[in-house]
N, C-alpha and C. Protein backbone atom coordinates (compact mmCIF):
# COMPACT_ATOMS: atom_id res chain seq x y z
N MET A 1 -11.56 -3.65 3.95
CA MET A 1 -10.31 -3.94 3.30
C MET A 1 -9.15 -3.14 3.92
N VAL A 2 -9.51 -2.04 4.59
CA VAL A 2 -8.46 -1.31 5.29
C VAL A 2 -7.90 -2.17 6.41
N SER A 3 -8.76 -2.99 7.03
CA SER A 3 -8.24 -3.88 8.07
C SER A 3 -7.32 -4.94 7.47
N LYS A 4 -7.58 -5.36 6.22
CA LYS A 4 -6.68 -6.30 5.54
C LYS A 4 -5.33 -5.63 5.31
N LEU A 5 -5.33 -4.36 4.93
CA LEU A 5 -4.08 -3.62 4.74
C LEU A 5 -3.31 -3.54 6.05
N SER A 6 -4.01 -3.26 7.15
CA SER A 6 -3.36 -3.22 8.46
C SER A 6 -2.74 -4.58 8.82
N PHE A 7 -3.50 -5.64 8.55
CA PHE A 7 -3.01 -7.00 8.79
C PHE A 7 -1.73 -7.26 8.00
N GLU A 8 -1.72 -6.87 6.73
CA GLU A 8 -0.55 -7.13 5.90
C GLU A 8 0.67 -6.30 6.34
N ILE A 9 0.44 -5.07 6.74
CA ILE A 9 1.55 -4.25 7.24
C ILE A 9 2.14 -4.90 8.50
N ASP A 10 1.28 -5.34 9.39
CA ASP A 10 1.73 -6.01 10.62
C ASP A 10 2.50 -7.29 10.28
N LYS A 11 1.98 -8.06 9.33
CA LYS A 11 2.65 -9.30 8.92
C LYS A 11 4.02 -9.00 8.29
N LEU A 12 4.09 -7.92 7.52
CA LEU A 12 5.38 -7.53 6.92
C LEU A 12 6.40 -7.15 8.00
N MET A 13 5.95 -6.35 8.96
CA MET A 13 6.87 -5.94 10.03
C MET A 13 7.38 -7.14 10.80
N ASN A 14 6.50 -8.10 11.06
CA ASN A 14 6.90 -9.29 11.82
C ASN A 14 7.74 -10.26 11.01
N SER A 15 7.68 -10.17 9.68
CA SER A 15 8.42 -11.12 8.86
C SER A 15 9.85 -10.73 8.61
N GLN A 16 10.17 -9.47 8.79
CA GLN A 16 11.53 -9.03 8.49
C GLN A 16 12.45 -9.43 9.63
N SER A 17 13.47 -10.17 9.26
CA SER A 17 14.36 -10.69 10.28
C SER A 17 15.65 -11.13 9.63
N VAL A 18 16.41 -11.89 10.34
CA VAL A 18 17.69 -12.39 9.84
C VAL A 18 17.46 -13.51 8.85
N TRP A 19 18.24 -13.51 7.80
CA TRP A 19 18.16 -14.59 6.81
C TRP A 19 18.97 -15.76 7.31
N THR A 20 18.34 -16.93 7.40
CA THR A 20 19.03 -18.10 7.91
C THR A 20 19.64 -18.94 6.79
N LYS A 21 19.42 -18.57 5.55
CA LYS A 21 19.88 -19.28 4.36
C LYS A 21 19.21 -20.63 4.20
N SER A 22 18.34 -21.01 5.14
CA SER A 22 17.60 -22.27 4.97
C SER A 22 16.19 -22.01 4.40
N GLU A 23 15.85 -20.74 4.27
CA GLU A 23 14.54 -20.39 3.71
C GLU A 23 14.63 -20.45 2.19
N GLY A 24 13.58 -20.98 1.55
CA GLY A 24 13.59 -21.08 0.10
C GLY A 24 13.62 -19.72 -0.57
N PHE A 25 12.85 -18.81 -0.08
CA PHE A 25 12.81 -17.44 -0.65
C PHE A 25 12.29 -16.52 0.44
N PRO A 26 12.82 -15.33 0.51
CA PRO A 26 12.44 -14.42 1.61
C PRO A 26 10.95 -14.06 1.59
N GLU A 27 10.23 -14.52 2.58
CA GLU A 27 8.80 -14.25 2.71
C GLU A 27 8.44 -12.76 2.68
N PRO A 28 9.27 -11.88 3.28
CA PRO A 28 8.89 -10.46 3.29
C PRO A 28 8.69 -9.87 1.89
N LEU A 29 9.40 -10.38 0.90
CA LEU A 29 9.21 -9.85 -0.45
C LEU A 29 7.80 -10.09 -0.95
N PHE A 30 7.27 -11.27 -0.73
CA PHE A 30 5.91 -11.58 -1.16
C PHE A 30 4.87 -10.79 -0.36
N ILE A 31 5.13 -10.66 0.94
CA ILE A 31 4.20 -9.92 1.79
C ILE A 31 4.18 -8.44 1.39
N ALA A 32 5.36 -7.88 1.08
CA ALA A 32 5.44 -6.47 0.67
C ALA A 32 4.64 -6.26 -0.61
N PHE A 33 4.80 -7.18 -1.57
CA PHE A 33 4.03 -7.08 -2.81
C PHE A 33 2.53 -7.13 -2.53
N ASN A 34 2.10 -8.09 -1.71
CA ASN A 34 0.68 -8.22 -1.36
C ASN A 34 0.16 -6.95 -0.67
N THR A 35 1.01 -6.33 0.15
CA THR A 35 0.61 -5.12 0.84
C THR A 35 0.38 -3.98 -0.15
N ALA A 36 1.27 -3.84 -1.13
CA ALA A 36 1.11 -2.80 -2.16
C ALA A 36 -0.14 -3.05 -2.97
N VAL A 37 -0.41 -4.30 -3.32
CA VAL A 37 -1.61 -4.65 -4.09
C VAL A 37 -2.86 -4.29 -3.31
N THR A 38 -2.89 -4.65 -2.03
CA THR A 38 -4.07 -4.34 -1.21
C THR A 38 -4.25 -2.82 -1.09
N ALA A 39 -3.19 -2.08 -0.81
CA ALA A 39 -3.30 -0.62 -0.69
C ALA A 39 -3.86 -0.01 -1.95
N TRP A 40 -3.46 -0.54 -3.11
CA TRP A 40 -3.97 -0.02 -4.38
C TRP A 40 -5.41 -0.47 -4.63
N HIS A 41 -5.71 -1.73 -4.41
CA HIS A 41 -7.02 -2.26 -4.77
C HIS A 41 -8.14 -1.82 -3.83
N ILE A 42 -7.82 -1.11 -2.79
CA ILE A 42 -8.87 -0.48 -1.99
C ILE A 42 -9.68 0.45 -2.88
N THR A 43 -9.04 1.03 -3.91
CA THR A 43 -9.81 1.87 -4.85
C THR A 43 -10.92 1.07 -5.49
N ASP A 44 -10.62 -0.15 -5.96
CA ASP A 44 -11.65 -1.00 -6.58
C ASP A 44 -12.73 -1.36 -5.58
N TRP A 45 -12.33 -1.83 -4.42
CA TRP A 45 -13.29 -2.29 -3.42
C TRP A 45 -14.20 -1.15 -2.95
N LEU A 46 -13.60 0.01 -2.75
CA LEU A 46 -14.39 1.15 -2.32
C LEU A 46 -15.36 1.59 -3.41
N TRP A 47 -14.88 1.63 -4.65
CA TRP A 47 -15.72 2.05 -5.78
C TRP A 47 -16.91 1.11 -5.97
N GLU A 48 -16.67 -0.17 -5.85
CA GLU A 48 -17.72 -1.16 -6.10
C GLU A 48 -18.64 -1.39 -4.90
N SER A 49 -18.32 -0.78 -3.77
CA SER A 49 -19.08 -1.09 -2.55
C SER A 49 -20.55 -0.67 -2.60
N ARG A 50 -20.83 0.57 -2.99
CA ARG A 50 -22.21 1.04 -3.01
C ARG A 50 -22.34 2.25 -3.92
N GLN A 51 -23.50 2.44 -4.44
CA GLN A 51 -23.80 3.62 -5.29
C GLN A 51 -23.60 4.91 -4.48
N GLU A 52 -24.03 4.91 -3.22
CA GLU A 52 -23.89 6.10 -2.38
C GLU A 52 -22.42 6.47 -2.16
N THR A 53 -21.58 5.44 -2.05
CA THR A 53 -20.15 5.69 -1.89
C THR A 53 -19.57 6.33 -3.14
N ARG A 54 -19.96 5.83 -4.29
CA ARG A 54 -19.49 6.43 -5.55
C ARG A 54 -19.89 7.91 -5.64
N ALA A 55 -21.11 8.20 -5.19
CA ALA A 55 -21.57 9.61 -5.22
C ALA A 55 -20.69 10.48 -4.30
N LEU A 56 -20.36 9.97 -3.11
CA LEU A 56 -19.47 10.70 -2.19
C LEU A 56 -18.11 10.96 -2.83
N LEU A 57 -17.56 9.92 -3.47
CA LEU A 57 -16.23 10.03 -4.08
C LEU A 57 -16.26 11.01 -5.25
N ARG A 58 -17.32 10.95 -6.05
CA ARG A 58 -17.45 11.89 -7.16
C ARG A 58 -17.45 13.33 -6.66
N LYS A 59 -18.19 13.57 -5.59
CA LYS A 59 -18.28 14.91 -5.02
C LYS A 59 -16.93 15.34 -4.43
N ARG A 60 -16.30 14.44 -3.68
CA ARG A 60 -15.02 14.79 -3.04
C ARG A 60 -13.94 15.14 -4.05
N PHE A 61 -13.85 14.33 -5.11
CA PHE A 61 -12.76 14.51 -6.07
C PHE A 61 -13.19 15.31 -7.32
N LYS A 62 -14.43 15.76 -7.33
CA LYS A 62 -14.94 16.66 -8.38
C LYS A 62 -14.76 16.10 -9.80
N PHE A 63 -15.38 14.97 -10.06
CA PHE A 63 -15.40 14.41 -11.42
C PHE A 63 -16.79 13.91 -11.71
N GLU A 64 -17.06 13.70 -12.98
CA GLU A 64 -18.38 13.23 -13.42
C GLU A 64 -18.25 11.85 -14.05
N PHE A 65 -19.32 11.09 -13.99
CA PHE A 65 -19.40 9.79 -14.66
C PHE A 65 -20.87 9.40 -14.75
N ASN A 66 -21.16 8.43 -15.57
CA ASN A 66 -22.53 7.95 -15.74
C ASN A 66 -22.72 6.70 -14.89
N GLU A 67 -23.43 6.83 -13.80
CA GLU A 67 -23.70 5.74 -12.87
C GLU A 67 -24.49 4.61 -13.50
N TRP A 68 -25.24 4.88 -14.55
CA TRP A 68 -26.24 3.93 -15.04
C TRP A 68 -25.76 3.03 -16.17
N THR A 69 -24.49 3.13 -16.56
CA THR A 69 -23.95 2.21 -17.55
C THR A 69 -22.65 1.62 -17.03
N MET A 70 -22.35 0.41 -17.46
CA MET A 70 -21.10 -0.23 -17.02
C MET A 70 -19.89 0.58 -17.49
N SER A 71 -19.92 1.05 -18.75
CA SER A 71 -18.80 1.85 -19.25
C SER A 71 -18.68 3.17 -18.50
N GLY A 72 -19.82 3.74 -18.09
CA GLY A 72 -19.79 4.98 -17.32
C GLY A 72 -19.17 4.75 -15.95
N ARG A 73 -19.53 3.65 -15.29
CA ARG A 73 -18.95 3.34 -13.97
C ARG A 73 -17.45 3.01 -14.11
N ASP A 74 -17.10 2.32 -15.20
CA ASP A 74 -15.67 2.05 -15.45
C ASP A 74 -14.88 3.35 -15.61
N LYS A 75 -15.43 4.28 -16.36
CA LYS A 75 -14.78 5.57 -16.56
C LYS A 75 -14.69 6.31 -15.23
N GLY A 76 -15.76 6.21 -14.42
CA GLY A 76 -15.73 6.82 -13.09
C GLY A 76 -14.65 6.22 -12.20
N LEU A 77 -14.51 4.89 -12.25
CA LEU A 77 -13.45 4.24 -11.47
C LEU A 77 -12.08 4.76 -11.89
N GLU A 78 -11.86 4.86 -13.19
CA GLU A 78 -10.57 5.35 -13.68
C GLU A 78 -10.34 6.79 -13.18
N ARG A 79 -11.35 7.61 -13.22
CA ARG A 79 -11.21 9.00 -12.75
C ARG A 79 -10.96 9.04 -11.24
N PHE A 80 -11.66 8.19 -10.52
CA PHE A 80 -11.45 8.11 -9.06
C PHE A 80 -10.02 7.69 -8.77
N GLN A 81 -9.55 6.63 -9.44
CA GLN A 81 -8.20 6.13 -9.19
C GLN A 81 -7.14 7.19 -9.53
N ASN A 82 -7.34 7.88 -10.62
CA ASN A 82 -6.39 8.94 -11.00
C ASN A 82 -6.41 10.07 -9.97
N ALA A 83 -7.59 10.40 -9.46
CA ALA A 83 -7.71 11.46 -8.45
C ALA A 83 -7.01 11.06 -7.14
N VAL A 84 -7.18 9.80 -6.74
CA VAL A 84 -6.53 9.30 -5.52
C VAL A 84 -5.02 9.37 -5.70
N CYS A 85 -4.51 8.95 -6.85
CA CYS A 85 -3.07 8.99 -7.10
C CYS A 85 -2.52 10.42 -7.09
N LYS A 86 -3.32 11.34 -7.57
CA LYS A 86 -2.91 12.73 -7.54
C LYS A 86 -2.90 13.25 -6.10
N ASP A 87 -3.82 12.76 -5.29
CA ASP A 87 -3.98 13.19 -3.91
C ASP A 87 -2.95 12.53 -2.97
N SER A 88 -2.51 11.34 -3.30
CA SER A 88 -1.60 10.59 -2.41
C SER A 88 -0.46 9.95 -3.21
N ARG A 89 0.74 10.45 -3.03
CA ARG A 89 1.89 9.87 -3.72
C ARG A 89 2.11 8.43 -3.27
N GLU A 90 1.81 8.12 -2.02
CA GLU A 90 2.01 6.77 -1.50
C GLU A 90 1.08 5.78 -2.22
N ILE A 91 -0.17 6.17 -2.44
CA ILE A 91 -1.07 5.28 -3.17
C ILE A 91 -0.61 5.15 -4.62
N HIS A 92 -0.13 6.26 -5.21
CA HIS A 92 0.40 6.19 -6.57
C HIS A 92 1.53 5.16 -6.65
N ILE A 93 2.42 5.18 -5.67
CA ILE A 93 3.54 4.25 -5.67
C ILE A 93 3.03 2.82 -5.52
N CYS A 94 2.04 2.59 -4.66
CA CYS A 94 1.45 1.25 -4.52
C CYS A 94 0.84 0.81 -5.85
N ARG A 95 0.19 1.73 -6.57
CA ARG A 95 -0.37 1.41 -7.88
C ARG A 95 0.74 0.94 -8.83
N GLU A 96 1.84 1.66 -8.83
CA GLU A 96 2.97 1.31 -9.71
C GLU A 96 3.48 -0.08 -9.40
N ILE A 97 3.66 -0.40 -8.13
CA ILE A 97 4.16 -1.71 -7.73
C ILE A 97 3.17 -2.80 -8.10
N ALA A 98 1.89 -2.57 -7.77
CA ALA A 98 0.86 -3.57 -8.05
C ALA A 98 0.70 -3.83 -9.54
N ASN A 99 0.62 -2.78 -10.31
CA ASN A 99 0.36 -2.94 -11.76
C ASN A 99 1.61 -3.34 -12.55
N ALA A 100 2.76 -2.81 -12.20
CA ALA A 100 3.95 -3.15 -12.94
C ALA A 100 4.30 -4.62 -12.81
N SER A 101 4.12 -5.17 -11.65
CA SER A 101 4.43 -6.58 -11.48
C SER A 101 3.34 -7.48 -12.04
N LYS A 102 2.11 -6.98 -12.05
CA LYS A 102 0.98 -7.76 -12.56
C LYS A 102 0.97 -7.80 -14.08
N HIS A 103 1.17 -6.63 -14.70
CA HIS A 103 1.05 -6.52 -16.14
C HIS A 103 2.40 -6.55 -16.86
N MET A 104 3.48 -6.50 -16.12
CA MET A 104 4.84 -6.55 -16.65
C MET A 104 5.16 -5.33 -17.53
N ARG A 105 4.30 -4.97 -18.43
CA ARG A 105 4.58 -3.82 -19.31
C ARG A 105 3.40 -2.86 -19.23
N LYS A 106 3.37 -2.10 -18.20
CA LYS A 106 2.31 -1.11 -18.07
C LYS A 106 2.64 0.05 -19.01
N ARG A 107 1.66 0.50 -19.75
CA ARG A 107 1.91 1.54 -20.76
C ARG A 107 2.40 2.85 -20.14
N LYS A 108 1.86 3.21 -19.01
CA LYS A 108 2.21 4.51 -18.43
C LYS A 108 2.95 4.33 -17.11
N SER A 109 4.01 3.59 -17.10
CA SER A 109 4.70 3.38 -15.81
C SER A 109 5.48 4.64 -15.46
N ASP A 110 5.65 4.83 -14.17
CA ASP A 110 6.38 5.97 -13.63
C ASP A 110 7.85 5.56 -13.48
N PRO A 111 8.74 6.10 -14.28
CA PRO A 111 10.15 5.68 -14.21
C PRO A 111 10.83 6.06 -12.91
N ASP A 112 10.22 6.94 -12.12
CA ASP A 112 10.83 7.34 -10.86
C ASP A 112 10.64 6.33 -9.73
N VAL A 113 9.68 5.41 -9.90
CA VAL A 113 9.34 4.47 -8.83
C VAL A 113 10.08 3.14 -9.04
N LYS A 114 10.84 2.74 -8.03
CA LYS A 114 11.59 1.49 -8.07
C LYS A 114 11.56 0.86 -6.69
N ALA A 115 11.42 -0.44 -6.66
CA ALA A 115 11.46 -1.18 -5.39
C ALA A 115 12.77 -1.95 -5.33
N LEU A 116 13.33 -2.05 -4.13
CA LEU A 116 14.64 -2.69 -3.98
C LEU A 116 14.66 -3.50 -2.69
N ALA A 117 15.16 -4.73 -2.79
CA ALA A 117 15.38 -5.57 -1.61
C ALA A 117 16.87 -5.79 -1.49
N GLU A 118 17.40 -5.49 -0.32
CA GLU A 118 18.85 -5.65 -0.10
C GLU A 118 19.08 -6.43 1.19
N TRP A 119 20.05 -7.33 1.13
CA TRP A 119 20.50 -8.02 2.34
C TRP A 119 21.75 -7.27 2.80
N LEU A 120 21.64 -6.64 3.95
CA LEU A 120 22.74 -5.83 4.46
C LEU A 120 23.27 -6.45 5.75
N PRO A 121 24.60 -6.42 5.94
CA PRO A 121 25.14 -6.98 7.18
C PRO A 121 24.80 -6.07 8.37
N ALA A 122 24.39 -6.70 9.47
CA ALA A 122 24.09 -5.95 10.69
C ALA A 122 25.37 -5.37 11.23
N ILE A 123 25.31 -4.12 11.66
CA ILE A 123 26.51 -3.48 12.21
C ILE A 123 26.52 -3.48 13.73
N GLU A 124 25.37 -3.81 14.33
CA GLU A 124 25.28 -3.93 15.79
C GLU A 124 24.39 -5.11 16.13
N PRO A 125 24.66 -5.79 17.24
CA PRO A 125 23.79 -6.90 17.64
C PRO A 125 22.48 -6.37 18.19
N ALA A 126 21.42 -7.11 17.93
CA ALA A 126 20.08 -6.76 18.48
C ALA A 126 19.27 -8.03 18.49
N GLY A 127 18.75 -8.43 19.67
CA GLY A 127 17.98 -9.64 19.77
C GLY A 127 18.80 -10.84 19.32
N HIS A 128 18.30 -11.58 18.31
CA HIS A 128 19.01 -12.74 17.80
C HIS A 128 20.03 -12.37 16.73
N VAL A 129 20.06 -11.12 16.33
CA VAL A 129 20.94 -10.67 15.25
C VAL A 129 22.33 -10.41 15.81
N LYS A 130 23.31 -11.02 15.13
CA LYS A 130 24.70 -10.81 15.49
C LYS A 130 25.35 -9.90 14.45
N VAL A 131 26.43 -9.25 14.81
CA VAL A 131 27.17 -8.41 13.85
C VAL A 131 27.54 -9.27 12.65
N GLY A 132 27.26 -8.77 11.47
CA GLY A 132 27.58 -9.49 10.25
C GLY A 132 26.42 -10.32 9.69
N ASP A 133 25.39 -10.64 10.52
CA ASP A 133 24.22 -11.34 9.99
C ASP A 133 23.57 -10.49 8.92
N LEU A 134 23.02 -11.18 7.92
CA LEU A 134 22.34 -10.44 6.85
C LEU A 134 20.91 -10.12 7.26
N VAL A 135 20.55 -8.85 7.15
CA VAL A 135 19.24 -8.35 7.53
C VAL A 135 18.59 -7.76 6.28
N LEU A 136 17.33 -8.10 6.04
CA LEU A 136 16.63 -7.63 4.86
C LEU A 136 16.17 -6.19 5.04
N GLN A 137 16.45 -5.38 4.04
CA GLN A 137 15.95 -4.01 3.97
C GLN A 137 15.15 -3.87 2.70
N LEU A 138 13.86 -3.51 2.82
CA LEU A 138 13.00 -3.27 1.66
C LEU A 138 12.84 -1.76 1.51
N SER A 139 13.25 -1.26 0.35
CA SER A 139 13.18 0.18 0.10
C SER A 139 12.39 0.45 -1.17
N ILE A 140 11.80 1.61 -1.22
CA ILE A 140 11.10 2.05 -2.42
C ILE A 140 11.65 3.43 -2.75
N TYR A 141 12.11 3.57 -3.97
CA TYR A 141 12.62 4.85 -4.42
C TYR A 141 11.57 5.56 -5.25
N ASP A 142 11.40 6.84 -4.95
CA ASP A 142 10.52 7.71 -5.72
C ASP A 142 11.39 8.90 -6.16
N GLY A 143 12.02 8.74 -7.33
CA GLY A 143 13.01 9.71 -7.74
C GLY A 143 14.18 9.65 -6.78
N GLU A 144 14.51 10.78 -6.18
CA GLU A 144 15.61 10.85 -5.23
C GLU A 144 15.21 10.46 -3.82
N LYS A 145 13.90 10.37 -3.55
CA LYS A 145 13.43 10.04 -2.21
C LYS A 145 13.44 8.54 -1.99
N LYS A 146 14.02 8.15 -0.87
CA LYS A 146 14.06 6.73 -0.50
C LYS A 146 13.12 6.49 0.68
N TRP A 147 12.20 5.57 0.49
CA TRP A 147 11.23 5.20 1.53
C TRP A 147 11.58 3.83 2.10
N ASP A 148 11.45 3.67 3.37
CA ASP A 148 11.38 2.33 3.95
C ASP A 148 9.99 1.79 3.52
N ALA A 149 9.94 0.59 2.99
CA ALA A 149 8.69 0.06 2.44
C ALA A 149 7.57 0.06 3.49
N VAL A 150 7.86 -0.38 4.70
CA VAL A 150 6.84 -0.42 5.74
C VAL A 150 6.30 0.97 6.01
N ARG A 151 7.19 1.95 6.07
CA ARG A 151 6.77 3.34 6.33
C ARG A 151 5.83 3.83 5.23
N LEU A 152 6.15 3.53 3.98
CA LEU A 152 5.30 3.93 2.86
C LEU A 152 3.91 3.30 2.99
N PHE A 153 3.87 2.03 3.34
CA PHE A 153 2.59 1.33 3.47
C PHE A 153 1.77 1.90 4.65
N ILE A 154 2.44 2.28 5.71
CA ILE A 154 1.76 2.90 6.85
C ILE A 154 1.15 4.24 6.44
N GLU A 155 1.88 5.00 5.63
CA GLU A 155 1.34 6.26 5.12
C GLU A 155 0.12 6.04 4.22
N ALA A 156 0.19 5.00 3.38
CA ALA A 156 -0.94 4.65 2.51
C ALA A 156 -2.15 4.26 3.37
N PHE A 157 -1.91 3.48 4.40
CA PHE A 157 -2.98 3.12 5.34
C PHE A 157 -3.61 4.36 5.96
N GLY A 158 -2.78 5.29 6.39
CA GLY A 158 -3.26 6.52 6.99
C GLY A 158 -4.12 7.33 6.03
N TYR A 159 -3.72 7.33 4.76
CA TYR A 159 -4.52 8.04 3.74
C TYR A 159 -5.92 7.47 3.66
N TRP A 160 -6.00 6.14 3.56
CA TRP A 160 -7.33 5.51 3.46
C TRP A 160 -8.14 5.71 4.73
N GLU A 161 -7.52 5.57 5.87
CA GLU A 161 -8.24 5.74 7.13
C GLU A 161 -8.83 7.16 7.22
N GLN A 162 -8.04 8.15 6.85
CA GLN A 162 -8.50 9.55 6.90
C GLN A 162 -9.61 9.80 5.89
N LEU A 163 -9.47 9.32 4.66
CA LEU A 163 -10.51 9.51 3.65
C LEU A 163 -11.82 8.87 4.10
N LEU A 164 -11.76 7.65 4.58
CA LEU A 164 -12.96 6.94 5.00
C LEU A 164 -13.64 7.64 6.18
N ARG A 165 -12.83 8.16 7.10
CA ARG A 165 -13.40 8.85 8.25
C ARG A 165 -14.02 10.18 7.81
N GLU A 166 -13.33 10.94 6.98
CA GLU A 166 -13.85 12.23 6.53
C GLU A 166 -15.14 12.10 5.74
N GLU A 167 -15.28 11.01 5.01
CA GLU A 167 -16.50 10.80 4.21
C GLU A 167 -17.60 10.06 4.97
N GLY A 168 -17.36 9.79 6.26
CA GLY A 168 -18.37 9.14 7.08
C GLY A 168 -18.55 7.66 6.76
N LEU A 169 -17.55 7.08 6.11
CA LEU A 169 -17.65 5.65 5.75
C LEU A 169 -17.16 4.74 6.88
N ILE A 170 -16.41 5.31 7.81
CA ILE A 170 -16.09 4.65 9.07
C ILE A 170 -16.19 5.71 10.15
N THR A 171 -16.44 5.25 11.35
CA THR A 171 -16.52 6.21 12.47
C THR A 171 -15.22 6.17 13.25
N ARG A 172 -15.07 7.13 14.11
CA ARG A 172 -13.87 7.18 14.95
C ARG A 172 -13.76 5.90 15.79
N ASP A 173 -14.90 5.38 16.23
CA ASP A 173 -14.92 4.15 17.02
C ASP A 173 -14.44 2.93 16.23
N ALA A 174 -14.59 3.02 14.89
CA ALA A 174 -14.21 1.88 14.04
C ALA A 174 -12.72 1.87 13.75
N ARG A 175 -12.01 2.89 14.22
CA ARG A 175 -10.57 2.98 14.00
C ARG A 175 -9.89 1.74 14.56
N LEU A 176 -8.93 1.24 13.85
CA LEU A 176 -8.20 0.08 14.33
C LEU A 176 -7.38 0.47 15.55
N PRO A 177 -7.25 -0.40 16.53
CA PRO A 177 -6.50 -0.05 17.73
C PRO A 177 -5.02 0.09 17.44
N ASP A 178 -4.37 0.93 18.27
CA ASP A 178 -2.92 1.07 18.16
C ASP A 178 -2.28 -0.25 18.54
N LYS A 179 -1.16 -0.52 17.91
CA LYS A 179 -0.43 -1.75 18.25
C LYS A 179 0.42 -1.45 19.48
N ILE A 180 0.20 -2.17 20.53
CA ILE A 180 0.94 -1.96 21.77
C ILE A 180 2.04 -3.04 21.83
N VAL A 181 3.26 -2.59 22.02
CA VAL A 181 4.36 -3.53 22.14
C VAL A 181 4.80 -3.54 23.60
N SER A 182 4.70 -4.67 24.24
CA SER A 182 5.10 -4.79 25.65
C SER A 182 6.62 -4.83 25.74
N PRO A 183 7.16 -4.21 26.79
CA PRO A 183 8.64 -4.22 26.96
C PRO A 183 9.16 -5.60 27.31
């Protein structure tokens, strides 16, 4: 699923461009939402993958749960998710975006986290963009800190990649290749 997150980040980067006004709705908004959902739901996928993985996560994050009952595993998942959010602010923010939009009224929402899409006029020409063309900027606010959405998702990806590597769930050879951009 980490490769799915990488795919979505790449798709988001490639989707951001000039608004032609002929598009029904800006595709990057939907891709950004899907990216946040994927970054968050890696917790579910990882937790459900194998009993041995749950044991590694329990040890890493120092919590207890009952492996042998459904309610015990559910409680363990909740503890794992809370531990990940405490360990990574970027994953916490992805959780807020994924759950707030899914459930509309999340009981414990973080009032500091807000997502914003703005169409801003280009101030310099670049590629097909002319001065004055509207260019989409996706931002995520965490209190006073402003994140570029793509940057936040890249940080979330890095968190998962590091955790999986440190726990021996992926090897260095399994690392996704760097994206090479030809001049």
